[in-house]
Amino acid sequence: MKRNKRYNPNKNKHIIRQSLMQKLHQAIMYIGGDEYSGMVNIKTGKRDSWMRPEIIDTPYQWTVYLAVFLRESNGKLNTKIWEMPTSQPLMHSQICKSVLATHREMIEEWKTKAPNNFVNIGWLATPYKSDIADRVEEIFHINGAYDSQMTFEG
């Protein structure tokens, strides 16, 4: 006799939340001059005013796009972007801590490589598979990544 799998409400909740986040086109974004990370609609590029509980309370397999914003001597804006997938499902708070450590390394590296060109840093994290790699720079630009200078710890 074949035995059915036990019903797991957490798995069902996770699947529903993930599909909801994908349908709403939501991601988390942080730009260096801001105090906190916030929600962004990746379809329009505009920030949302509040964090959704679907993002905060559920671990996801994140895809994080790390960015360094540079301004060349001729005034041309330049963005370096790296894609960093997570190896295991992480909560919102865990992803913020892990990205913060990586960003500190990036700040030190770019302060020595191009101290006069360095403007800011930022990251964008999506909790689902998406094809926004080509839109990441545009989303940062819409949200003012070059408008505020990053404050550095001495």
Protein backbone atom coordinates (compact mmCIF):
# COMPACT_ATOMS: atom_id res chain seq x y z
CA MET A 1 0.00 0.00 0.00
CA LYS A 2 1.36 3.40 -1.02
CA ARG A 3 1.61 5.88 1.79
CA ASN A 4 0.96 9.57 1.05
CA LYS A 5 3.37 12.22 2.20
CA ARG A 6 2.40 14.00 5.37
CA TYR A 7 0.93 17.44 4.94
CA ASN A 8 3.48 20.11 5.80
CA PRO A 9 1.83 23.53 6.30
CA ASN A 10 5.17 25.35 6.34
CA LYS A 11 6.11 24.01 2.92
CA ASN A 12 2.74 25.03 1.53
CA LYS A 13 3.07 28.52 3.10
CA HIS A 14 6.54 28.91 1.60
CA ILE A 15 5.36 27.96 -1.90
CA ILE A 16 2.43 30.39 -1.68
CA ARG A 17 4.65 33.22 -0.41
CA GLN A 18 7.27 32.64 -3.09
CA SER A 19 4.70 32.72 -5.87
CA LEU A 20 3.16 35.87 -4.34
CA MET A 21 6.54 37.62 -4.27
CA GLN A 22 7.15 36.65 -7.88
CA LYS A 23 3.71 37.89 -8.91
CA LEU A 24 4.24 41.22 -7.11
CA HIS A 25 7.76 41.58 -8.61
CA GLN A 26 9.29 42.39 -5.21
CA ALA A 27 12.95 42.42 -4.18
CA ILE A 28 15.06 43.95 -1.41
CA MET A 29 17.40 46.83 -2.20
CA TYR A 30 20.04 48.68 -0.20
CA ILE A 31 22.02 51.74 -1.28
CA GLY A 32 24.99 52.86 0.82
CA GLY A 33 23.61 56.24 1.91
CA ASP A 34 20.43 54.67 3.31
CA GLU A 35 20.11 53.40 6.85
CA TYR A 36 17.98 50.37 6.06
CA SER A 37 17.21 48.04 3.22
CA GLY A 38 13.80 48.39 1.62
CA MET A 39 11.44 46.79 -0.84
CA VAL A 40 11.60 47.64 -4.52
CA ASN A 41 9.31 46.70 -7.38
CA ILE A 42 11.67 45.29 -10.00
CA LYS A 43 9.16 45.81 -12.80
CA THR A 44 8.86 49.57 -12.28
CA GLY A 45 12.10 50.15 -10.33
CA LYS A 46 10.26 52.20 -7.69
CA ARG A 47 10.67 51.70 -3.94
CA ASP A 48 7.81 50.48 -1.77
CA SER A 49 7.24 52.15 1.56
CA TRP A 50 7.10 49.03 3.77
CA MET A 51 8.68 45.61 4.15
CA ARG A 52 6.37 42.73 3.39
CA PRO A 53 6.10 39.94 6.00
CA GLU A 54 6.41 37.43 3.15
CA ILE A 55 10.02 38.57 2.74
CA ILE A 56 11.00 38.94 6.39
CA ASP A 57 9.48 35.77 7.85
CA THR A 58 10.38 33.19 5.19
CA PRO A 59 13.81 31.80 4.23
CA TYR A 60 14.52 31.98 0.48
CA GLN A 61 17.19 30.88 -1.94
CA TRP A 62 18.36 34.43 -2.76
CA THR A 63 20.11 35.82 -5.79
CA VAL A 64 22.05 38.91 -4.71
CA TYR A 65 23.45 41.53 -7.07
CA LEU A 66 26.30 43.49 -5.45
CA ALA A 67 27.14 46.84 -7.02
CA VAL A 68 29.90 49.44 -6.80
CA PHE A 69 29.11 52.87 -8.26
CA LEU A 70 31.98 54.85 -9.76
CA ARG A 71 32.23 58.29 -11.36
CA GLU A 72 35.14 58.62 -13.79
CA SER A 73 37.19 61.80 -14.09
CA ASN A 74 35.29 62.84 -17.24
CA GLY A 75 31.97 62.59 -15.32
CA LYS A 76 30.83 59.32 -16.87
CA LEU A 77 28.95 57.05 -14.46
CA ASN A 78 30.15 53.46 -14.22
CA THR A 79 28.68 50.52 -12.31
CA LYS A 80 30.40 47.23 -11.49
CA ILE A 81 27.89 44.45 -10.71
CA TRP A 82 28.50 40.94 -9.38
CA GLU A 83 25.88 38.21 -9.07
CA MET A 84 26.10 36.21 -5.84
CA PRO A 85 23.65 33.30 -5.42
CA THR A 86 23.19 31.94 -1.91
CA SER A 87 24.04 28.31 -1.21
CA GLN A 88 21.14 27.71 1.19
CA PRO A 89 17.80 29.35 2.07
CA LEU A 90 18.35 32.42 4.25
CA MET A 91 16.09 34.83 6.13
CA HIS A 92 16.08 38.57 5.38
CA SER A 93 18.21 39.40 8.43
CA GLN A 94 20.79 36.74 7.53
CA ILE A 95 21.13 37.99 3.95
CA CYS A 96 21.63 41.57 5.21
CA LYS A 97 24.47 40.45 7.54
CA SER A 98 26.24 38.33 4.94
CA VAL A 99 26.06 41.05 2.28
CA LEU A 100 27.30 43.67 4.76
CA ALA A 101 30.50 41.69 5.35
CA THR A 102 31.10 41.35 1.62
CA HIS A 103 30.44 45.04 1.07
CA ARG A 104 33.00 46.05 3.69
CA GLU A 105 35.61 44.09 1.72
CA MET A 106 34.47 45.76 -1.50
CA ILE A 107 34.70 49.24 0.04
CA GLU A 108 38.28 48.63 1.13
CA GLU A 109 39.20 47.21 -2.28
CA TRP A 110 37.70 50.08 -4.29
CA LYS A 111 38.98 52.79 -1.92
CA THR A 112 42.49 51.58 -2.76
CA LYS A 113 41.86 50.86 -6.49
CA ALA A 114 40.04 54.07 -7.38
CA PRO A 115 39.75 56.41 -4.39
CA ASN A 116 38.78 59.44 -6.49
CA ASN A 117 36.18 57.57 -8.56
CA PHE A 118 34.36 55.66 -5.80
CA VAL A 119 30.85 57.01 -5.12
CA ASN A 120 28.70 54.39 -3.43
CA ILE A 121 27.76 50.73 -2.98
CA GLY A 122 24.48 48.88 -3.09
CA TRP A 123 22.83 45.49 -3.38
CA LEU A 124 19.62 44.04 -4.73
CA ALA A 125 18.32 40.63 -3.62
CA THR A 126 15.56 38.66 -5.31
CA PRO A 127 13.98 35.65 -3.59
CA TYR A 128 13.14 33.88 -6.83
CA LYS A 129 14.64 33.16 -10.22
CA SER A 130 14.28 36.17 -12.47
CA ASP A 131 15.89 37.70 -15.51
CA ILE A 132 16.67 41.12 -14.04
CA ALA A 133 20.45 40.93 -14.42
CA ASP A 134 20.27 43.39 -17.30
CA ARG A 135 17.94 45.75 -15.35
CA VAL A 136 19.87 45.94 -12.05
CA GLU A 137 21.86 49.03 -13.05
CA GLU A 138 18.69 50.80 -14.21
CA ILE A 139 16.89 50.00 -10.92
CA PHE A 140 19.78 51.45 -8.91
CA HIS A 141 19.84 54.53 -11.14
CA ILE A 142 16.08 55.13 -10.66
CA ASN A 143 16.56 54.98 -6.87
CA GLY A 144 19.42 57.47 -6.74
CA ALA A 145 22.53 55.33 -6.25
CA TYR A 146 24.72 58.16 -7.58
CA ASP A 147 22.86 60.92 -5.74
CA SER A 148 24.21 60.27 -2.25
CA GLN A 149 27.83 59.86 -1.24
CA MET A 150 28.62 56.79 0.85
CA THR A 151 29.67 57.56 4.41
CA PHE A 152 32.78 55.63 5.39
CA GLU A 153 33.85 54.41 8.76
CA GLY A 154 37.30 55.84 9.55
